[in-house]
Amino acid sequence: MKLLSKTLLTAGVAAAAFAAAPVSAQVQGNFGVVNTPLAIAQTNALRTAFQQVGTTYQTQITTIQQRQQQIETLLTQLDTNSDGGLDEAEQAAAQSTPQWQQIQQIEQEVGTLSNQIDLARVYALEQILRQYSPALQQVVTQNQVQMVVSPDAVLYSAPAADMTTKVVAALNTAVPSVQTTPPAGWQPARQSVSLYQQVQQIFAIAQQQQAQQAQQQTPAQQPSGR
């Protein structure tokens, strides 16, 4: 089973009961904006679960990193013109080589190991997702909101309309922790897999931003002496 597909989650996942078309002038009452993937990603339960998965599957993670390095080495051997990539001619010639067959085997192994990690993470996410609608309903009731939309469903909203943080707080209370070991034969819902994709993108962007900030804050080394 390949968990990660190219299909991205459409706006308003897990909030179908509240999702709506762009707000028009005819809407009466308060409306709120909730970023569902961001709300799930910011929960304490999911962050803790991802850390636990990283510890539990450290052997698989290390193996994946090693295998990826092996693939890079093999690809370098197939790069006959040394331009850092394989053009169409090189790819065609490579398919009959032992290196190419080895790459295919390694990629299959990496896929199997990656799915083990992804399955544990999606299992954790799905437990939080089950409590999303009740948590959202709680926030809606407390704030007397008549409509909830996703960020990409409106052209403009005041900062006060963003209720994502409130939904995160409700989820933290409703789901303080989750399990990371799926039962035998468990299969994730398609919605959970799609949401996991977007959560992974959120984490990846956050890591890139942190890396950029670290580079900007690192002072340039000055030559020693006078």
C-alpha atoms as a PDB file:
ATOM      1  CA  MET A   1       0.000   0.000   0.000  1.00  0.00           C
ATOM      2  CA  LYS A   2       1.292   3.381  -0.978  1.00  0.00           C
ATOM      3  CA  LEU A   3       0.010   5.967   1.426  1.00  0.00           C
ATOM      4  CA  LEU A   4       1.200   9.114  -0.287  1.00  0.00           C
ATOM      5  CA  SER A   5      -0.723   9.947  -3.442  1.00  0.00           C
ATOM      6  CA  LYS A   6      -0.464  13.010  -5.656  1.00  0.00           C
ATOM      7  CA  THR A   7      -4.028  14.043  -4.852  1.00  0.00           C
ATOM      8  CA  LEU A   8      -4.091  17.004  -2.488  1.00  0.00           C
ATOM      9  CA  LEU A   9      -6.771  17.539   0.094  1.00  0.00           C
ATOM     10  CA  THR A  10      -9.556  19.843  -1.028  1.00  0.00           C
ATOM     11  CA  ALA A  11     -10.562  22.783   1.136  1.00  0.00           C
ATOM     12  CA  GLY A  12     -12.687  22.085   4.135  1.00  0.00           C
ATOM     13  CA  VAL A  13     -11.786  18.434   4.775  1.00  0.00           C
ATOM     14  CA  ALA A  14     -13.255  17.040   7.983  1.00  0.00           C
ATOM     15  CA  ALA A  15     -15.480  20.081   8.236  1.00  0.00           C
ATOM     16  CA  ALA A  16     -18.032  19.134   5.624  1.00  0.00           C
ATOM     17  CA  ALA A  17     -20.855  20.003   7.946  1.00  0.00           C
ATOM     18  CA  PHE A  18     -19.558  23.552   8.161  1.00  0.00           C
ATOM     19  CA  ALA A  19     -17.746  24.145   4.870  1.00  0.00           C
ATOM     20  CA  ALA A  20     -19.456  26.502   2.474  1.00  0.00           C
ATOM     21  CA  ALA A  21     -19.005  28.582  -0.636  1.00  0.00           C
ATOM     22  CA  PRO A  22     -17.249  31.957  -0.398  1.00  0.00           C
ATOM     23  CA  VAL A  23     -18.992  34.322   1.984  1.00  0.00           C
ATOM     24  CA  SER A  24     -21.389  36.668   0.252  1.00  0.00           C
ATOM     25  CA  ALA A  25     -22.965  39.911   1.347  1.00  0.00           C
ATOM     26  CA  GLN A  26     -26.210  38.075   2.082  1.00  0.00           C
ATOM     27  CA  VAL A  27     -24.727  36.026   4.953  1.00  0.00           C
ATOM     28  CA  GLN A  28     -26.093  37.150   8.298  1.00  0.00           C
ATOM     29  CA  GLY A  29     -24.255  36.706  11.612  1.00  0.00           C
ATOM     30  CA  ASN A  30     -20.679  35.876  12.506  1.00  0.00           C
ATOM     31  CA  PHE A  31     -18.475  33.652  10.400  1.00  0.00           C
ATOM     32  CA  GLY A  32     -15.161  32.053  11.249  1.00  0.00           C
ATOM     33  CA  VAL A  33     -12.135  30.878   9.332  1.00  0.00           C
ATOM     34  CA  VAL A  34     -10.443  27.597  10.230  1.00  0.00           C
ATOM     35  CA  ASN A  35      -7.378  26.065   8.616  1.00  0.00           C
ATOM     36  CA  THR A  36      -8.090  22.367   9.194  1.00  0.00           C
ATOM     37  CA  PRO A  37      -4.661  20.899   8.297  1.00  0.00           C
ATOM     38  CA  LEU A  38      -2.899  23.563  10.378  1.00  0.00           C
ATOM     39  CA  ALA A  39      -5.195  22.919  13.343  1.00  0.00           C
ATOM     40  CA  ILE A  40      -4.437  19.194  13.262  1.00  0.00           C
ATOM     41  CA  ALA A  41      -0.705  19.822  12.811  1.00  0.00           C
ATOM     42  CA  GLN A  42      -0.553  22.131  15.836  1.00  0.00           C
ATOM     43  CA  THR A  43      -2.183  19.739  18.305  1.00  0.00           C
ATOM     44  CA  ASN A  44      -0.039  18.475  21.151  1.00  0.00           C
ATOM     45  CA  ALA A  45      -1.169  14.913  20.499  1.00  0.00           C
ATOM     46  CA  LEU A  46       0.036  14.870  16.898  1.00  0.00           C
ATOM     47  CA  ARG A  47       3.375  16.505  17.644  1.00  0.00           C
ATOM     48  CA  THR A  48       4.030  14.043  20.468  1.00  0.00           C
ATOM     49  CA  ALA A  49       2.921  11.124  18.311  1.00  0.00           C
ATOM     50  CA  PHE A  50       5.266  12.098  15.479  1.00  0.00           C
ATOM     51  CA  GLN A  51       8.144  12.285  17.952  1.00  0.00           C
ATOM     52  CA  GLN A  52       7.251   8.838  19.277  1.00  0.00           C
ATOM     53  CA  VAL A  53       7.113   7.414  15.756  1.00  0.00           C
ATOM     54  CA  GLY A  54      10.526   8.917  15.048  1.00  0.00           C
ATOM     55  CA  THR A  55      11.920   7.093  18.074  1.00  0.00           C
ATOM     56  CA  THR A  56      10.114   3.802  17.461  1.00  0.00           C
ATOM     57  CA  TYR A  57      11.084   3.661  13.794  1.00  0.00           C
ATOM     58  CA  GLN A  58      14.585   5.085  14.126  1.00  0.00           C
ATOM     59  CA  THR A  59      16.091   1.947  12.574  1.00  0.00           C
ATOM     60  CA  GLN A  60      13.862   2.285   9.513  1.00  0.00           C
ATOM     61  CA  ILE A  61      14.620   5.994   9.228  1.00  0.00           C
ATOM     62  CA  THR A  62      18.362   5.371   9.371  1.00  0.00           C
ATOM     63  CA  THR A  63      18.077   2.598   6.783  1.00  0.00           C
ATOM     64  CA  ILE A  64      16.092   4.853   4.442  1.00  0.00           C
ATOM     65  CA  GLN A  65      18.765   7.547   4.671  1.00  0.00           C
ATOM     66  CA  GLN A  66      21.487   5.003   3.917  1.00  0.00           C
ATOM     67  CA  ARG A  67      19.579   3.570   0.959  1.00  0.00           C
ATOM     68  CA  GLN A  68      18.971   7.046  -0.465  1.00  0.00           C
ATOM     69  CA  GLN A  69      22.703   7.684  -0.366  1.00  0.00           C
ATOM     70  CA  GLN A  70      23.262   4.403  -2.199  1.00  0.00           C
ATOM     71  CA  ILE A  71      20.806   5.491  -4.881  1.00  0.00           C
ATOM     72  CA  GLU A  72      22.659   8.788  -5.310  1.00  0.00           C
ATOM     73  CA  THR A  73      25.924   6.909  -5.742  1.00  0.00           C
ATOM     74  CA  LEU A  74      24.415   4.571  -8.334  1.00  0.00           C
ATOM     75  CA  LEU A  75      22.855   7.450 -10.242  1.00  0.00           C
ATOM     76  CA  THR A  76      26.229   9.165 -10.377  1.00  0.00           C
ATOM     77  CA  GLN A  77      27.653   6.068 -12.047  1.00  0.00           C
ATOM     78  CA  LEU A  78      24.909   6.240 -14.686  1.00  0.00           C
ATOM     79  CA  ASP A  79      25.480   9.954 -15.319  1.00  0.00           C
ATOM     80  CA  THR A  80      27.891   9.434 -18.203  1.00  0.00           C
ATOM     81  CA  ASN A  81      28.203  13.127 -19.113  1.00  0.00           C
ATOM     82  CA  SER A  82      28.585  14.185 -15.465  1.00  0.00           C
ATOM     83  CA  ASP A  83      25.986  16.954 -15.671  1.00  0.00           C
ATOM     84  CA  GLY A  84      24.309  16.030 -12.397  1.00  0.00           C
ATOM     85  CA  GLY A  85      21.272  14.347 -13.945  1.00  0.00           C
ATOM     86  CA  LEU A  86      20.129  11.658 -16.342  1.00  0.00           C
ATOM     87  CA  ASP A  87      18.868  12.828 -19.716  1.00  0.00           C
ATOM     88  CA  GLU A  88      16.619  10.667 -21.907  1.00  0.00           C
ATOM     89  CA  ALA A  89      19.530   8.925 -23.600  1.00  0.00           C
ATOM     90  CA  GLU A  90      21.195   8.139 -20.292  1.00  0.00           C
ATOM     91  CA  GLN A  91      17.949   6.834 -18.838  1.00  0.00           C
ATOM     92  CA  ALA A  92      17.386   4.581 -21.816  1.00  0.00           C
ATOM     93  CA  ALA A  93      20.931   3.209 -21.588  1.00  0.00           C
ATOM     94  CA  ALA A  94      20.723   2.839 -17.814  1.00  0.00           C
ATOM     95  CA  GLN A  95      17.728   0.498 -17.847  1.00  0.00           C
ATOM     96  CA  SER A  96      19.837  -2.417 -19.033  1.00  0.00           C
ATOM     97  CA  THR A  97      22.543  -1.925 -16.414  1.00  0.00           C
ATOM     98  CA  PRO A  98      23.013  -3.716 -13.072  1.00  0.00           C
ATOM     99  CA  GLN A  99      22.981  -0.330 -11.342  1.00  0.00           C
ATOM    100  CA  TRP A 100      19.468   0.362 -12.594  1.00  0.00           C
ATOM    101  CA  GLN A 101      18.177  -2.962 -11.344  1.00  0.00           C
ATOM    102  CA  GLN A 102      19.786  -2.291  -7.983  1.00  0.00           C
ATOM    103  CA  ILE A 103      18.138   1.123  -7.829  1.00  0.00           C
ATOM    104  CA  GLN A 104      14.740  -0.464  -8.438  1.00  0.00           C
ATOM    105  CA  GLN A 105      15.289  -2.942  -5.618  1.00  0.00           C
ATOM    106  CA  ILE A 106      16.449  -0.230  -3.225  1.00  0.00           C
ATOM    107  CA  GLU A 107      13.479   1.983  -4.065  1.00  0.00           C
ATOM    108  CA  GLN A 108      11.124  -0.897  -3.346  1.00  0.00           C
ATOM    109  CA  GLU A 109      12.784  -1.426   0.034  1.00  0.00           C
ATOM    110  CA  VAL A 110      12.615   2.295   0.821  1.00  0.00           C
ATOM    111  CA  GLY A 111       8.940   2.342  -0.125  1.00  0.00           C
ATOM    112  CA  THR A 112       8.165  -0.520   2.238  1.00  0.00           C
ATOM    113  CA  LEU A 113      10.012   1.110   5.130  1.00  0.00           C
ATOM    114  CA  SER A 114       8.478   4.518   4.458  1.00  0.00           C
ATOM    115  CA  ASN A 115       4.977   3.052   4.455  1.00  0.00           C
ATOM    116  CA  GLN A 116       5.561   1.575   7.906  1.00  0.00           C
ATOM    117  CA  ILE A 117       6.394   5.042   9.227  1.00  0.00           C
ATOM    118  CA  ASP A 118       3.582   6.753   7.343  1.00  0.00           C
ATOM    119  CA  LEU A 119       1.032   4.200   8.513  1.00  0.00           C
ATOM    120  CA  ALA A 120       1.882   4.861  12.164  1.00  0.00           C
ATOM    121  CA  ARG A 121       1.647   8.617  11.652  1.00  0.00           C
ATOM    122  CA  VAL A 122      -1.655   8.447   9.773  1.00  0.00           C
ATOM    123  CA  TYR A 123      -3.070   6.198  12.497  1.00  0.00           C
ATOM    124  CA  ALA A 124      -2.230   8.863  15.068  1.00  0.00           C
ATOM    125  CA  LEU A 125      -3.679  11.611  12.890  1.00  0.00           C
ATOM    126  CA  GLU A 126      -6.913   9.727  12.258  1.00  0.00           C
ATOM    127  CA  GLN A 127      -7.601   9.457  15.989  1.00  0.00           C
ATOM    128  CA  ILE A 128      -7.443  13.260  16.230  1.00  0.00           C
ATOM    129  CA  LEU A 129      -9.510  13.663  13.087  1.00  0.00           C
ATOM    130  CA  ARG A 130     -12.372  11.683  14.639  1.00  0.00           C
ATOM    131  CA  GLN A 131     -12.682  14.403  17.293  1.00  0.00           C
ATOM    132  CA  TYR A 132     -12.341  17.303  14.878  1.00  0.00           C
ATOM    133  CA  SER A 133     -16.028  17.835  14.109  1.00  0.00           C
ATOM    134  CA  PRO A 134     -17.097  17.813  17.800  1.00  0.00           C
ATOM    135  CA  ALA A 135     -14.260  20.202  18.661  1.00  0.00           C
ATOM    136  CA  LEU A 136     -15.212  22.515  15.814  1.00  0.00           C
ATOM    137  CA  GLN A 137     -18.866  22.407  16.850  1.00  0.00           C
ATOM    138  CA  GLN A 138     -17.837  23.350  20.375  1.00  0.00           C
ATOM    139  CA  VAL A 139     -15.920  26.382  19.138  1.00  0.00           C
ATOM    140  CA  VAL A 140     -18.767  27.360  16.810  1.00  0.00           C
ATOM    141  CA  THR A 141     -21.285  27.232  19.658  1.00  0.00           C
ATOM    142  CA  GLN A 142     -19.087  29.109  22.110  1.00  0.00           C
ATOM    143  CA  ASN A 143     -18.413  31.891  19.619  1.00  0.00           C
ATOM    144  CA  GLN A 144     -21.941  32.000  18.174  1.00  0.00           C
ATOM    145  CA  VAL A 145     -20.640  31.467  14.662  1.00  0.00           C
ATOM    146  CA  GLN A 146     -23.102  30.949  11.836  1.00  0.00           C
ATOM    147  CA  MET A 147     -20.668  29.761   9.188  1.00  0.00           C
ATOM    148  CA  VAL A 148     -17.162  28.310   9.045  1.00  0.00           C
ATOM    149  CA  VAL A 149     -14.997  28.495   5.920  1.00  0.00           C
ATOM    150  CA  SER A 150     -11.471  27.520   4.985  1.00  0.00           C
ATOM    151  CA  PRO A 151      -8.847  30.245   4.353  1.00  0.00           C
ATOM    152  CA  ASP A 152      -8.918  29.776   0.583  1.00  0.00           C
ATOM    153  CA  ALA A 153     -12.717  30.242   0.476  1.00  0.00           C
ATOM    154  CA  VAL A 154     -12.601  33.975   1.246  1.00  0.00           C
ATOM    155  CA  LEU A 155     -10.826  36.911  -0.338  1.00  0.00           C
ATOM    156  CA  TYR A 156     -10.458  38.766   2.940  1.00  0.00           C
ATOM    157  CA  SER A 157     -11.224  38.203   6.614  1.00  0.00           C
ATOM    158  CA  ALA A 158     -10.280  40.145   9.718  1.00  0.00           C
ATOM    159  CA  PRO A 159      -7.669  38.445  11.930  1.00  0.00           C
ATOM    160  CA  ALA A 160     -10.307  38.068  14.644  1.00  0.00           C
ATOM    161  CA  ALA A 161     -12.278  35.742  12.358  1.00  0.00           C
ATOM    162  CA  ASP A 162      -9.519  33.121  12.434  1.00  0.00           C
ATOM    163  CA  MET A 163     -10.598  30.433  14.884  1.00  0.00           C
ATOM    164  CA  THR A 164      -7.846  27.913  14.121  1.00  0.00           C
ATOM    165  CA  THR A 165      -6.122  28.463  17.474  1.00  0.00           C
ATOM    166  CA  LYS A 166      -9.412  27.957  19.308  1.00  0.00           C
ATOM    167  CA  VAL A 167      -9.982  24.673  17.486  1.00  0.00           C
ATOM    168  CA  VAL A 168      -6.459  23.562  18.417  1.00  0.00           C
ATOM    169  CA  ALA A 169      -7.194  24.285  22.084  1.00  0.00           C
ATOM    170  CA  ALA A 170     -10.434  22.307  21.901  1.00  0.00           C
ATOM    171  CA  LEU A 171      -8.647  19.370  20.281  1.00  0.00           C
ATOM    172  CA  ASN A 172      -5.874  19.454  22.893  1.00  0.00           C
ATOM    173  CA  THR A 173      -8.529  19.033  25.560  1.00  0.00           C
ATOM    174  CA  ALA A 174     -10.534  16.398  23.704  1.00  0.00           C
ATOM    175  CA  VAL A 175      -7.516  14.358  22.530  1.00  0.00           C
ATOM    176  CA  PRO A 176      -4.576  14.805  24.925  1.00  0.00           C
ATOM    177  CA  SER A 177      -2.762  11.792  23.463  1.00  0.00           C
ATOM    178  CA  VAL A 178      -3.095   9.110  20.779  1.00  0.00           C
ATOM    179  CA  GLN A 179      -1.736   5.669  19.990  1.00  0.00           C
ATOM    180  CA  THR A 180       0.933   5.182  17.329  1.00  0.00           C
ATOM    181  CA  THR A 181       0.711   1.408  16.786  1.00  0.00           C
ATOM    182  CA  PRO A 182      -2.005   0.525  14.267  1.00  0.00           C
ATOM    183  CA  PRO A 183      -3.980  -2.692  14.848  1.00  0.00           C
ATOM    184  CA  ALA A 184      -3.211  -5.609  12.560  1.00  0.00           C
ATOM    185  CA  GLY A 185      -4.841  -5.117   9.176  1.00  0.00           C
ATOM    186  CA  TRP A 186      -5.783  -1.500   9.841  1.00  0.00           C
ATOM    187  CA  GLN A 187      -6.225   0.638   6.738  1.00  0.00           C
ATOM    188  CA  PRO A 188      -6.495   4.435   6.872  1.00  0.00           C
ATOM    189  CA  ALA A 189      -9.392   6.363   5.417  1.00  0.00           C
ATOM    190  CA  ARG A 190      -8.674   8.244   2.212  1.00  0.00           C
ATOM    191  CA  GLN A 191      -9.519  11.497   3.962  1.00  0.00           C
ATOM    192  CA  SER A 192      -6.898  10.771   6.633  1.00  0.00           C
ATOM    193  CA  VAL A 193      -4.228  10.080   4.013  1.00  0.00           C
ATOM    194  CA  SER A 194      -5.009  13.303   2.165  1.00  0.00           C
ATOM    195  CA  LEU A 195      -4.945  15.330   5.362  1.00  0.00           C
ATOM    196  CA  TYR A 196      -1.640  13.692   6.318  1.00  0.00           C
ATOM    197  CA  GLN A 197      -0.187  14.943   3.045  1.00  0.00           C
ATOM    198  CA  GLN A 198      -1.038  18.512   3.883  1.00  0.00           C
ATOM    199  CA  VAL A 199       0.202  18.184   7.454  1.00  0.00           C
ATOM    200  CA  GLN A 200       3.518  16.889   6.123  1.00  0.00           C
ATOM    201  CA  GLN A 201       3.726  19.908   3.831  1.00  0.00           C
ATOM    202  CA  ILE A 202       3.092  22.226   6.781  1.00  0.00           C
ATOM    203  CA  PHE A 203       5.915  20.602   8.763  1.00  0.00           C
ATOM    204  CA  ALA A 204       8.250  20.719   5.755  1.00  0.00           C
ATOM    205  CA  ILE A 205       7.604  24.436   5.224  1.00  0.00           C
ATOM    206  CA  ALA A 206       8.129  25.119   8.927  1.00  0.00           C
ATOM    207  CA  GLN A 207      11.475  23.305   8.844  1.00  0.00           C
ATOM    208  CA  GLN A 208      12.578  25.300   5.797  1.00  0.00           C
ATOM    209  CA  GLN A 209      11.642  28.558   7.501  1.00  0.00           C
ATOM    210  CA  GLN A 210      13.515  27.566  10.654  1.00  0.00           C
ATOM    211  CA  ALA A 211      16.588  26.682   8.604  1.00  0.00           C
ATOM    212  CA  GLN A 212      16.454  30.031   6.790  1.00  0.00           C
ATOM    213  CA  GLN A 213      16.074  31.935  10.058  1.00  0.00           C
ATOM    214  CA  ALA A 214      19.010  30.064  11.555  1.00  0.00           C
ATOM    215  CA  GLN A 215      21.173  31.005   8.578  1.00  0.00           C
ATOM    216  CA  GLN A 216      20.152  34.644   8.830  1.00  0.00           C
ATOM    217  CA  GLN A 217      20.863  34.769  12.572  1.00  0.00           C
ATOM    218  CA  THR A 218      24.262  33.099  12.274  1.00  0.00           C
ATOM    219  CA  PRO A 219      26.835  35.933  12.262  1.00  0.00           C
ATOM    220  CA  ALA A 220      29.529  35.787   9.655  1.00  0.00           C
ATOM    221  CA  GLN A 221      32.804  34.582  11.074  1.00  0.00           C
ATOM    222  CA  GLN A 222      35.287  37.391  11.384  1.00  0.00           C
ATOM    223  CA  PRO A 223      39.015  36.821  10.833  1.00  0.00           C
ATOM    224  CA  SER A 224      40.937  36.496  14.044  1.00  0.00           C
ATOM    225  CA  GLY A 225      43.608  38.986  15.071  1.00  0.00           C
ATOM    226  CA  ARG A 226      43.815  42.731  14.590  1.00  0.00           C
END
